[in-house]
PDB file of N, CA and C in Angstrom:
ATOM      1  N   MET A   1     -12.281   4.192  93.847  1.00  0.00           N
ATOM      2  CA  MET A   1     -10.940   4.673  93.762  1.00  0.00           C
ATOM      3  C   MET A   1     -10.563   4.703  92.124  1.00  0.00           C
ATOM      4  N   SER A   2     -10.558   5.906  91.926  1.00  0.00           N
ATOM      5  CA  SER A   2      -9.577   6.071  90.542  1.00  0.00           C
ATOM      6  C   SER A   2      -8.347   6.054  90.469  1.00  0.00           C
ATOM      7  N   THR A   3      -7.973   5.192  89.290  1.00  0.00           N
ATOM      8  CA  THR A   3      -6.783   5.282  89.207  1.00  0.00           C
ATOM      9  C   THR A   3      -5.795   6.283  87.992  1.00  0.00           C
ATOM     10  N   VAL A   4      -5.323   6.746  88.697  1.00  0.00           N
ATOM     11  CA  VAL A   4      -4.218   7.887  87.968  1.00  0.00           C
ATOM     12  C   VAL A   4      -3.151   7.716  87.330  1.00  0.00           C
ATOM     13  N   THR A   5      -3.113   7.402  85.970  1.00  0.00           N
ATOM     14  CA  THR A   5      -1.704   7.049  85.338  1.00  0.00           C
ATOM     15  C   THR A   5      -0.806   7.894  85.173  1.00  0.00           C
ATOM     16  N   LYS A   6       0.519   7.847  85.925  1.00  0.00           N
ATOM     17  CA  LYS A   6       1.174   8.774  85.882  1.00  0.00           C
ATOM     18  C   LYS A   6       2.029   8.694  84.784  1.00  0.00           C
ATOM     19  N   LYS A   7       2.686   9.863  83.793  1.00  0.00           N
ATOM     20  CA  LYS A   7       3.051   9.568  83.232  1.00  0.00           C
ATOM     21  C   LYS A   7       4.577  10.277  83.100  1.00  0.00           C
ATOM     22  N   LYS A   8       5.399   9.358  82.285  1.00  0.00           N
ATOM     23  CA  LYS A   8       6.881   9.555  82.670  1.00  0.00           C
ATOM     24  C   LYS A   8       7.417  10.202  81.557  1.00  0.00           C
ATOM     25  N   ARG A   9       8.369  10.958  81.607  1.00  0.00           N
ATOM     26  CA  ARG A   9       8.896  11.849  80.646  1.00  0.00           C
ATOM     27  C   ARG A   9      10.298  10.948  80.043  1.00  0.00           C
ATOM     28  N   ILE A  10       9.926  11.124  78.656  1.00  0.00           N
ATOM     29  CA  ILE A  10      10.966  10.761  77.606  1.00  0.00           C
ATOM     30  C   ILE A  10      11.579  11.912  76.772  1.00  0.00           C
ATOM     31  N   PHE A  11      12.900  12.017  76.055  1.00  0.00           N
ATOM     32  CA  PHE A  11      13.553  13.039  75.739  1.00  0.00           C
ATOM     33  C   PHE A  11      14.089  12.564  74.197  1.00  0.00           C
ATOM     34  N   ILE A  12      14.197  13.545  73.045  1.00  0.00           N
ATOM     35  CA  ILE A  12      14.296  13.081  72.036  1.00  0.00           C
ATOM     36  C   ILE A  12      15.225  14.535  71.680  1.00  0.00           C
ATOM     37  N   ILE A  13      16.266  14.344  70.736  1.00  0.00           N
ATOM     38  CA  ILE A  13      17.081  15.388  70.245  1.00  0.00           C
ATOM     39  C   ILE A  13      16.328  15.589  68.536  1.00  0.00           C
ATOM     40  N   VAL A  14      16.359  16.657  68.323  1.00  0.00           N
ATOM     41  CA  VAL A  14      16.038  16.671  66.974  1.00  0.00           C
ATOM     42  C   VAL A  14      16.840  18.050  66.262  1.00  0.00           C
ATOM     43  N   THR A  15      16.884  18.183  65.234  1.00  0.00           N
ATOM     44  CA  THR A  15      17.924  19.544  64.455  1.00  0.00           C
ATOM     45  C   THR A  15      16.961  20.273  64.071  1.00  0.00           C
ATOM     46  N   HIS A  16      17.457  21.545  64.339  1.00  0.00           N
ATOM     47  CA  HIS A  16      17.284  22.897  63.722  1.00  0.00           C
ATOM     48  C   HIS A  16      17.903  23.399  62.864  1.00  0.00           C
ATOM     49  N   LYS A  17      17.808  23.342  61.746  1.00  0.00           N
ATOM     50  CA  LYS A  17      18.223  24.418  60.766  1.00  0.00           C
ATOM     51  C   LYS A  17      17.710  25.528  60.168  1.00  0.00           C
ATOM     52  N   ILE A  18      18.468  26.896  60.596  1.00  0.00           N
ATOM     53  CA  ILE A  18      17.801  27.767  60.087  1.00  0.00           C
ATOM     54  C   ILE A  18      18.719  28.726  59.006  1.00  0.00           C
ATOM     55  N   ILE A  19      17.778  28.998  58.127  1.00  0.00           N
ATOM     56  CA  ILE A  19      18.543  29.938  57.481  1.00  0.00           C
ATOM     57  C   ILE A  19      17.655  31.485  56.871  1.00  0.00           C
ATOM     58  N   LYS A  20      18.289  32.136  56.130  1.00  0.00           N
ATOM     59  CA  LYS A  20      17.614  33.226  56.070  1.00  0.00           C
ATOM     60  C   LYS A  20      17.231  33.776  54.838  1.00  0.00           C
ATOM     61  N   GLU A  21      16.136  33.981  54.642  1.00  0.00           N
ATOM     62  CA  GLU A  21      15.043  34.065  53.362  1.00  0.00           C
ATOM     63  C   GLU A  21      14.596  35.651  53.231  1.00  0.00           C
ATOM     64  N   ASP A  22      15.294  36.374  52.265  1.00  0.00           N
ATOM     65  CA  ASP A  22      14.893  37.776  52.319  1.00  0.00           C
ATOM     66  C   ASP A  22      14.891  38.513  54.050  1.00  0.00           C
ATOM     67  N   ASN A  23      13.680  38.924  54.615  1.00  0.00           N
ATOM     68  CA  ASN A  23      13.999  39.612  55.724  1.00  0.00           C
ATOM     69  C   ASN A  23      13.569  38.543  56.644  1.00  0.00           C
ATOM     70  N   MET A  24      13.416  37.352  56.600  1.00  0.00           N
ATOM     71  CA  MET A  24      12.764  36.479  57.336  1.00  0.00           C
ATOM     72  C   MET A  24      14.166  35.732  57.876  1.00  0.00           C
ATOM     73  N   TYR A  25      13.802  34.269  59.136  1.00  0.00           N
ATOM     74  CA  TYR A  25      14.745  33.379  59.007  1.00  0.00           C
ATOM     75  C   TYR A  25      13.854  32.196  58.781  1.00  0.00           C
ATOM     76  N   VAL A  26      14.069  31.523  58.311  1.00  0.00           N
ATOM     77  CA  VAL A  26      13.210  30.116  58.052  1.00  0.00           C
ATOM     78  C   VAL A  26      13.801  28.853  59.277  1.00  0.00           C
ATOM     79  N   ALA A  27      13.059  28.384  59.894  1.00  0.00           N
ATOM     80  CA  ALA A  27      13.577  27.117  60.960  1.00  0.00           C
ATOM     81  C   ALA A  27      13.219  25.829  60.626  1.00  0.00           C
ATOM     82  N   ILE A  28      13.887  25.064  60.263  1.00  0.00           N
ATOM     83  CA  ILE A  28      13.419  23.461  59.297  1.00  0.00           C
ATOM     84  C   ILE A  28      14.274  22.557  60.273  1.00  0.00           C
ATOM     85  N   CYS A  29      12.762  21.623  60.807  1.00  0.00           N
ATOM     86  CA  CYS A  29      13.521  20.360  61.390  1.00  0.00           C
ATOM     87  C   CYS A  29      13.553  18.977  60.467  1.00  0.00           C
ATOM     88  N   PRO A  30      14.779  19.020  60.263  1.00  0.00           N
ATOM     89  CA  PRO A  30      14.422  17.886  59.078  1.00  0.00           C
ATOM     90  C   PRO A  30      13.938  16.183  59.439  1.00  0.00           C
ATOM     91  N   GLU A  31      14.281  16.234  60.376  1.00  0.00           N
ATOM     92  CA  GLU A  31      13.547  15.080  60.769  1.00  0.00           C
ATOM     93  C   GLU A  31      12.168  14.716  60.807  1.00  0.00           C
ATOM     94  N   PHE A  32      11.533  15.498  60.868  1.00  0.00           N
ATOM     95  CA  PHE A  32      10.132  15.341  61.030  1.00  0.00           C
ATOM     96  C   PHE A  32       9.900  16.293  59.984  1.00  0.00           C
ATOM     97  N   ASN A  33      10.317  16.859  58.937  1.00  0.00           N
ATOM     98  CA  ASN A  33       9.871  17.705  57.351  1.00  0.00           C
ATOM     99  C   ASN A  33       8.986  18.806  57.719  1.00  0.00           C
ATOM    100  N   ILE A  34       9.634  19.333  58.969  1.00  0.00           N
ATOM    101  CA  ILE A  34       8.710  20.953  59.748  1.00  0.00           C
ATOM    102  C   ILE A  34       9.326  21.901  59.472  1.00  0.00           C
ATOM    103  N   ALA A  35       8.774  23.083  59.302  1.00  0.00           N
ATOM    104  CA  ALA A  35       9.287  24.497  59.068  1.00  0.00           C
ATOM    105  C   ALA A  35       8.572  25.486  59.535  1.00  0.00           C
ATOM    106  N   SER A  36       9.214  26.663  60.119  1.00  0.00           N
ATOM    107  CA  SER A  36       8.590  27.537  60.540  1.00  0.00           C
ATOM    108  C   SER A  36       9.589  28.991  60.109  1.00  0.00           C
ATOM    109  N   GLN A  37       8.815  30.176  60.581  1.00  0.00           N
ATOM    110  CA  GLN A  37       9.715  31.241  60.371  1.00  0.00           C
ATOM    111  C   GLN A  37       9.591  32.231  61.621  1.00  0.00           C
ATOM    112  N   GLY A  38      10.146  33.797  61.420  1.00  0.00           N
ATOM    113  CA  GLY A  38      10.230  34.255  61.970  1.00  0.00           C
ATOM    114  C   GLY A  38      11.249  35.527  61.678  1.00  0.00           C
ATOM    115  N   LYS A  39      10.752  36.791  62.338  1.00  0.00           N
ATOM    116  CA  LYS A  39      11.684  38.041  61.649  1.00  0.00           C
ATOM    117  C   LYS A  39      12.859  37.970  62.544  1.00  0.00           C
ATOM    118  N   THR A  40      13.297  37.170  63.828  1.00  0.00           N
ATOM    119  CA  THR A  40      14.493  36.981  64.244  1.00  0.00           C
ATOM    120  C   THR A  40      14.838  35.250  64.249  1.00  0.00           C
ATOM    121  N   ILE A  41      16.039  35.079  64.778  1.00  0.00           N
ATOM    122  CA  ILE A  41      16.347  33.946  64.979  1.00  0.00           C
ATOM    123  C   ILE A  41      15.702  33.217  66.103  1.00  0.00           C
ATOM    124  N   GLU A  42      15.773  33.855  67.041  1.00  0.00           N
ATOM    125  CA  GLU A  42      14.756  33.599  68.360  1.00  0.00           C
ATOM    126  C   GLU A  42      13.550  32.913  68.069  1.00  0.00           C
ATOM    127  N   TYR A  43      12.963  34.106  67.205  1.00  0.00           N
ATOM    128  CA  TYR A  43      11.471  33.775  66.750  1.00  0.00           C
ATOM    129  C   TYR A  43      11.238  32.461  65.958  1.00  0.00           C
ATOM    130  N   ALA A  44      12.123  32.426  64.776  1.00  0.00           N
ATOM    131  CA  ALA A  44      12.121  31.141  64.193  1.00  0.00           C
ATOM    132  C   ALA A  44      12.033  30.158  64.769  1.00  0.00           C
ATOM    133  N   SER A  45      13.094  29.995  65.631  1.00  0.00           N
ATOM    134  CA  SER A  45      13.285  28.859  66.319  1.00  0.00           C
ATOM    135  C   SER A  45      12.493  28.208  67.459  1.00  0.00           C
ATOM    136  N   GLU A  46      11.787  29.525  68.176  1.00  0.00           N
ATOM    137  CA  GLU A  46      10.867  29.176  69.037  1.00  0.00           C
ATOM    138  C   GLU A  46       9.579  28.307  68.300  1.00  0.00           C
ATOM    139  N   ASN A  47       8.770  29.269  67.026  1.00  0.00           N
ATOM    140  CA  ASN A  47       7.989  28.719  66.330  1.00  0.00           C
ATOM    141  C   ASN A  47       8.346  27.487  66.001  1.00  0.00           C
ATOM    142  N   LEU A  48       9.496  27.305  65.714  1.00  0.00           N
ATOM    143  CA  LEU A  48       9.736  25.746  65.406  1.00  0.00           C
ATOM    144  C   LEU A  48       9.699  24.472  66.466  1.00  0.00           C
ATOM    145  N   LYS A  49       9.948  24.965  67.776  1.00  0.00           N
ATOM    146  CA  LYS A  49       9.728  24.338  68.685  1.00  0.00           C
ATOM    147  C   LYS A  49       8.376  23.854  68.937  1.00  0.00           C
ATOM    148  N   ASP A  50       7.213  25.186  68.809  1.00  0.00           N
ATOM    149  CA  ASP A  50       5.628  24.672  68.847  1.00  0.00           C
ATOM    150  C   ASP A  50       5.077  23.925  67.936  1.00  0.00           C
ATOM    151  N   ALA A  51       5.732  24.222  66.326  1.00  0.00           N
ATOM    152  CA  ALA A  51       5.405  23.219  65.308  1.00  0.00           C
ATOM    153  C   ALA A  51       5.572  21.802  65.945  1.00  0.00           C
ATOM    154  N   VAL A  52       6.986  21.626  66.220  1.00  0.00           N
ATOM    155  CA  VAL A  52       7.357  20.189  66.429  1.00  0.00           C
ATOM    156  C   VAL A  52       6.401  19.347  67.578  1.00  0.00           C
ATOM    157  N   LEU A  53       6.228  20.383  68.484  1.00  0.00           N
ATOM    158  CA  LEU A  53       5.410  19.776  69.615  1.00  0.00           C
ATOM    159  C   LEU A  53       4.045  19.714  69.478  1.00  0.00           C
ATOM    160  N   LEU A  54       3.598  20.289  68.422  1.00  0.00           N
ATOM    161  CA  LEU A  54       2.236  20.074  68.131  1.00  0.00           C
ATOM    162  C   LEU A  54       1.977  19.008  67.082  1.00  0.00           C
ATOM    163  N   TYR A  55       3.137  18.990  66.102  1.00  0.00           N
ATOM    164  CA  TYR A  55       3.403  17.623  65.456  1.00  0.00           C
ATOM    165  C   TYR A  55       3.319  16.280  66.336  1.00  0.00           C
ATOM    166  N   LEU A  56       4.189  16.299  67.167  1.00  0.00           N
ATOM    167  CA  LEU A  56       4.483  15.219  68.159  1.00  0.00           C
ATOM    168  C   LEU A  56       3.068  15.042  69.121  1.00  0.00           C
ATOM    169  N   GLU A  57       2.234  15.704  69.222  1.00  0.00           N
ATOM    170  CA  GLU A  57       1.164  16.003  70.462  1.00  0.00           C
ATOM    171  C   GLU A  57      -0.169  15.295  69.110  1.00  0.00           C
ATOM    172  N   GLY A  58       0.196  15.317  67.635  1.00  0.00           N
ATOM    173  CA  GLY A  58      -0.661  14.707  66.812  1.00  0.00           C
ATOM    174  C   GLY A  58      -0.423  13.331  66.508  1.00  0.00           C
ATOM    175  N   ILE A  59       0.704  12.864  66.662  1.00  0.00           N
ATOM    176  CA  ILE A  59       1.091  11.545  66.105  1.00  0.00           C
ATOM    177  C   ILE A  59       0.785  10.760  67.675  1.00  0.00           C
ATOM    178  N   GLU A  60       0.723  11.450  68.425  1.00  0.00           N
ATOM    179  CA  GLU A  60       0.743  10.670  69.854  1.00  0.00           C
ATOM    180  C   GLU A  60      -0.882  10.408  69.966  1.00  0.00           C
ATOM    181  N   GLU A  61      -1.898  11.339  69.230  1.00  0.00           N
ATOM    182  CA  GLU A  61      -2.942  11.193  69.333  1.00  0.00           C
ATOM    183  C   GLU A  61      -3.562  10.055  68.608  1.00  0.00           C
ATOM    184  N   LEU A  62      -2.977  10.043  67.095  1.00  0.00           N
ATOM    185  CA  LEU A  62      -3.198   8.633  66.486  1.00  0.00           C
ATOM    186  C   LEU A  62      -2.508   7.606  66.838  1.00  0.00           C
ATOM    187  N   GLY A  63      -1.513   7.761  67.819  1.00  0.00           N
ATOM    188  CA  GLY A  63      -1.272   6.376  68.481  1.00  0.00           C
ATOM    189  C   GLY A  63      -0.025   5.762  67.173  1.00  0.00           C
ATOM    190  N   THR A  64       0.788   7.055  66.562  1.00  0.00           N
ATOM    191  CA  THR A  64       1.603   6.318  65.358  1.00  0.00           C
ATOM    192  C   THR A  64       2.905   6.919  65.999  1.00  0.00           C
ATOM    193  N   ARG A  65       3.175   7.039  67.157  1.00  0.00           N
ATOM    194  CA  ARG A  65       4.510   8.035  67.640  1.00  0.00           C
ATOM    195  C   ARG A  65       5.523   7.058  67.237  1.00  0.00           C
ATOM    196  N   GLU A  66       5.399   5.859  68.034  1.00  0.00           N
ATOM    197  CA  GLU A  66       6.422   4.886  67.728  1.00  0.00           C
ATOM    198  C   GLU A  66       6.822   4.385  66.389  1.00  0.00           C
ATOM    199  N   GLN A  67       5.654   4.057  65.445  1.00  0.00           N
ATOM    200  CA  GLN A  67       6.336   4.194  64.474  1.00  0.00           C
ATOM    201  C   GLN A  67       6.864   4.951  63.254  1.00  0.00           C
ATOM    202  N   VAL A  68       6.603   6.384  63.950  1.00  0.00           N
ATOM    203  CA  VAL A  68       6.991   7.378  63.327  1.00  0.00           C
ATOM    204  C   VAL A  68       8.553   7.748  63.618  1.00  0.00           C
ATOM    205  N   PHE A  69       8.979   7.189  65.110  1.00  0.00           N
ATOM    206  CA  PHE A  69       9.923   7.195  65.698  1.00  0.00           C
ATOM    207  C   PHE A  69      11.014   6.350  65.104  1.00  0.00           C
ATOM    208  N   LYS A  70      10.379   5.119  64.802  1.00  0.00           N
ATOM    209  CA  LYS A  70      11.313   4.028  64.026  1.00  0.00           C
ATOM    210  C   LYS A  70      11.761   4.275  62.904  1.00  0.00           C
ATOM    211  N   GLU A  71      10.767   4.566  61.717  1.00  0.00           N
ATOM    212  CA  GLU A  71      11.098   5.367  60.852  1.00  0.00           C
ATOM    213  C   GLU A  71      12.023   6.427  60.451  1.00  0.00           C
ATOM    214  N   LYS A  72      12.010   7.613  61.433  1.00  0.00           N
ATOM    215  CA  LYS A  72      12.745   8.457  61.602  1.00  0.00           C
ATOM    216  C   LYS A  72      14.196   8.116  61.891  1.00  0.00           C
ATOM    217  N   LYS A  73      14.193   7.197  62.570  1.00  0.00           N
ATOM    218  CA  LYS A  73      15.246   6.776  63.598  1.00  0.00           C
ATOM    219  C   LYS A  73      15.604   7.638  64.807  1.00  0.00           C
ATOM    220  N   ILE A  74      14.392   8.190  65.513  1.00  0.00           N
ATOM    221  CA  ILE A  74      14.484   8.757  66.661  1.00  0.00           C
ATOM    222  C   ILE A  74      14.936   8.048  67.828  1.00  0.00           C
ATOM    223  N   LYS A  75      15.972   8.490  68.648  1.00  0.00           N
ATOM    224  CA  LYS A  75      16.260   8.066  69.647  1.00  0.00           C
ATOM    225  C   LYS A  75      15.878   8.510  70.717  1.00  0.00           C
ATOM    226  N   LYS A  76      14.827   7.571  71.626  1.00  0.00           N
ATOM    227  CA  LYS A  76      14.326   8.023  73.022  1.00  0.00           C
ATOM    228  C   LYS A  76      15.339   7.746  74.436  1.00  0.00           C
ATOM    229  N   TYR A  77      15.470   8.553  75.082  1.00  0.00           N
ATOM    230  CA  TYR A  77      15.906   9.065  76.167  1.00  0.00           C
ATOM    231  C   TYR A  77      15.342   9.043  77.212  1.00  0.00           C
ATOM    232  N   SER A  78      15.070   8.229  78.235  1.00  0.00           N
ATOM    233  CA  SER A  78      14.080   8.042  79.798  1.00  0.00           C
ATOM    234  C   SER A  78      14.996   9.085  80.757  1.00  0.00           C
ATOM    235  N   ARG A  79      16.232   9.529  80.448  1.00  0.00           N
ATOM    236  CA  ARG A  79      16.825  10.451  81.180  1.00  0.00           C
ATOM    237  C   ARG A  79      17.212  11.717  80.375  1.00  0.00           C
ATOM    238  N   LEU A  80      17.393  12.691  81.229  1.00  0.00           N
ATOM    239  CA  LEU A  80      17.952  13.801  80.349  1.00  0.00           C
ATOM    240  C   LEU A  80      19.207  13.729  79.502  1.00  0.00           C
ATOM    241  N   PRO A  81      19.243  13.683  78.328  1.00  0.00           N
ATOM    242  CA  PRO A  81      20.583  13.467  77.918  1.00  0.00           C
ATOM    243  C   PRO A  81      21.364  14.721  77.756  1.00  0.00           C
ATOM    244  N   ARG A  82      22.628  14.416  77.706  1.00  0.00           N
ATOM    245  CA  ARG A  82      23.695  15.347  77.356  1.00  0.00           C
ATOM    246  C   ARG A  82      23.587  16.227  76.156  1.00  0.00           C
ATOM    247  N   VAL A  83      23.362  17.308  76.114  1.00  0.00           N
ATOM    248  CA  VAL A  83      23.420  18.098  74.747  1.00  0.00           C
ATOM    249  C   VAL A  83      24.635  18.938  75.239  1.00  0.00           C
ATOM    250  N   ILE A  84      25.248  18.846  74.162  1.00  0.00           N
ATOM    251  CA  ILE A  84      26.296  19.623  74.244  1.00  0.00           C
ATOM    252  C   ILE A  84      26.166  20.968  73.014  1.00  0.00           C
ATOM    253  N   PRO A  85      25.999  22.087  74.191  1.00  0.00           N
ATOM    254  CA  PRO A  85      25.344  23.081  73.294  1.00  0.00           C
ATOM    255  C   PRO A  85      26.752  23.694  72.396  1.00  0.00           C
ATOM    256  N   GLU A  86      26.254  24.098  71.108  1.00  0.00           N
ATOM    257  CA  GLU A  86      27.137  24.537  69.977  1.00  0.00           C
ATOM    258  C   GLU A  86      27.291  26.009  70.242  1.00  0.00           C
ATOM    259  N   LYS A  87      28.607  26.812  70.258  1.00  0.00           N
ATOM    260  CA  LYS A  87      28.662  28.122  70.254  1.00  0.00           C
ATOM    261  C   LYS A  87      28.707  28.398  68.817  1.00  0.00           C
ATOM    262  N   ILE A  88      27.429  29.076  68.396  1.00  0.00           N
ATOM    263  CA  ILE A  88      27.565  29.701  67.047  1.00  0.00           C
ATOM    264  C   ILE A  88      27.842  31.217  66.742  1.00  0.00           C
ATOM    265  N   SER A  89      28.860  31.739  65.890  1.00  0.00           N
ATOM    266  CA  SER A  89      28.621  33.219  65.801  1.00  0.00           C
ATOM    267  C   SER A  89      28.256  33.071  64.611  1.00  0.00           C
ATOM    268  N   ILE A  90      27.370  34.396  64.394  1.00  0.00           N
ATOM    269  CA  ILE A  90      26.650  34.870  63.305  1.00  0.00           C
ATOM    270  C   ILE A  90      27.082  36.625  63.059  1.00  0.00           C
ATOM    271  N   SER A  91      27.781  36.775  61.836  1.00  0.00           N
ATOM    272  CA  SER A  91      28.038  37.556  61.380  1.00  0.00           C
ATOM    273  C   SER A  91      27.010  38.550  60.946  1.00  0.00           C
ATOM    274  N   GLY A  92      27.320  39.816  60.846  1.00  0.00           N
ATOM    275  CA  GLY A  92      26.296  40.370  60.632  1.00  0.00           C
ATOM    276  C   GLY A  92      25.890  40.307  59.123  1.00  0.00           C
ATOM    277  N   ASP A  93      26.805  39.682  58.274  1.00  0.00           N
ATOM    278  CA  ASP A  93      26.243  39.269  57.152  1.00  0.00           C
ATOM    279  C   ASP A  93      25.946  37.894  56.693  1.00  0.00           C
ATOM    280  N   PHE A  94      24.694  37.452  57.225  1.00  0.00           N
ATOM    281  CA  PHE A  94      24.399  36.175  57.610  1.00  0.00           C
ATOM    282  C   PHE A  94      23.999  35.547  56.258  1.00  0.00           C
ATOM    283  N   ASN A  95      23.513  36.188  55.036  1.00  0.00           N
ATOM    284  CA  ASN A  95      23.691  35.381  54.134  1.00  0.00           C
ATOM    285  C   ASN A  95      23.129  34.509  53.637  1.00  0.00           C
ATOM    286  N   ASN A  96      22.256  33.841  54.398  1.00  0.00           N
ATOM    287  CA  ASN A  96      21.546  32.527  53.785  1.00  0.00           C
ATOM    288  C   ASN A  96      22.539  31.014  53.844  1.00  0.00           C
ATOM    289  N   MET A  97      23.255  31.383  54.710  1.00  0.00           N
ATOM    290  CA  MET A  97      24.300  30.361  55.334  1.00  0.00           C
ATOM    291  C   MET A  97      23.774  29.750  56.338  1.00  0.00           C
ATOM    292  N   PRO A  98      23.360  28.420  56.279  1.00  0.00           N
ATOM    293  CA  PRO A  98      22.326  28.058  57.420  1.00  0.00           C
ATOM    294  C   PRO A  98      23.552  27.561  58.690  1.00  0.00           C
ATOM    295  N   PHE A  99      23.171  27.382  59.743  1.00  0.00           N
ATOM    296  CA  PHE A  99      23.666  26.873  60.656  1.00  0.00           C
ATOM    297  C   PHE A  99      22.792  26.094  61.567  1.00  0.00           C
ATOM    298  N   VAL A 100      23.144  24.990  62.348  1.00  0.00           N
ATOM    299  CA  VAL A 100      22.567  23.907  62.359  1.00  0.00           C
ATOM    300  C   VAL A 100      23.002  23.838  63.915  1.00  0.00           C
ATOM    301  N   THR A 101      21.977  23.388  64.904  1.00  0.00           N
ATOM    302  CA  THR A 101      21.907  22.883  66.315  1.00  0.00           C
ATOM    303  C   THR A 101      21.038  21.897  66.665  1.00  0.00           C
ATOM    304  N   PRO A 102      21.536  21.178  67.589  1.00  0.00           N
ATOM    305  CA  PRO A 102      20.469  20.081  68.183  1.00  0.00           C
ATOM    306  C   PRO A 102      19.456  20.298  69.200  1.00  0.00           C
ATOM    307  N   GLN A 103      18.169  20.474  69.278  1.00  0.00           N
ATOM    308  CA  GLN A 103      17.079  20.834  70.271  1.00  0.00           C
ATOM    309  C   GLN A 103      16.947  20.003  70.873  1.00  0.00           C
ATOM    310  N   LEU A 104      16.941  19.467  72.166  1.00  0.00           N
ATOM    311  CA  LEU A 104      16.114  18.280  73.336  1.00  0.00           C
ATOM    312  C   LEU A 104      14.220  19.274  73.360  1.00  0.00           C
ATOM    313  N   ILE A 105      13.893  18.235  72.881  1.00  0.00           N
ATOM    314  CA  ILE A 105      12.384  18.085  73.334  1.00  0.00           C
ATOM    315  C   ILE A 105      11.835  17.103  74.578  1.00  0.00           C
ATOM    316  N   PRO A 106      11.385  17.384  75.642  1.00  0.00           N
ATOM    317  CA  PRO A 106      10.567  16.955  76.420  1.00  0.00           C
ATOM    318  C   PRO A 106       9.464  16.100  76.117  1.00  0.00           C
ATOM    319  N   LEU A 107       9.161  15.053  76.191  1.00  0.00           N
ATOM    320  CA  LEU A 107       7.646  14.719  76.004  1.00  0.00           C
ATOM    321  C   LEU A 107       7.260  13.655  77.176  1.00  0.00           C
ATOM    322  N   ALA A 108       5.907  13.584  77.446  1.00  0.00           N
ATOM    323  CA  ALA A 108       5.201  12.873  78.343  1.00  0.00           C
ATOM    324  C   ALA A 108       4.594  12.053  77.786  1.00  0.00           C
ATOM    325  N   CYS A 109       5.011  10.495  78.180  1.00  0.00           N
ATOM    326  CA  CYS A 109       4.323   9.419  78.035  1.00  0.00           C
ATOM    327  C   CYS A 109       3.270   9.100  79.067  1.00  0.00           C
TER     328      CYS A 109
END
């Protein structure tokens, strides 16, 4: 009889900062010092989410996630935390004015 370990879900909240550089948008997660880019805000944000998830998978495989979370002061939630969405209005003249929004990242442990 095999034993299957059921993974529980935890959640973290990280920051997404997005700025415009030339004709691209750059998305940055300052907590993990990760950046990505895209031709639109949405693509830049999605690419950053993917990069953050890959980073989290990597530190999980290395067994350093708890150490990294402690160093970066990342709070873990055992239940879905309430994240109050921010309404962000972006003018047509975005001109490198960054905007920041919290992003909820679900993890399985």
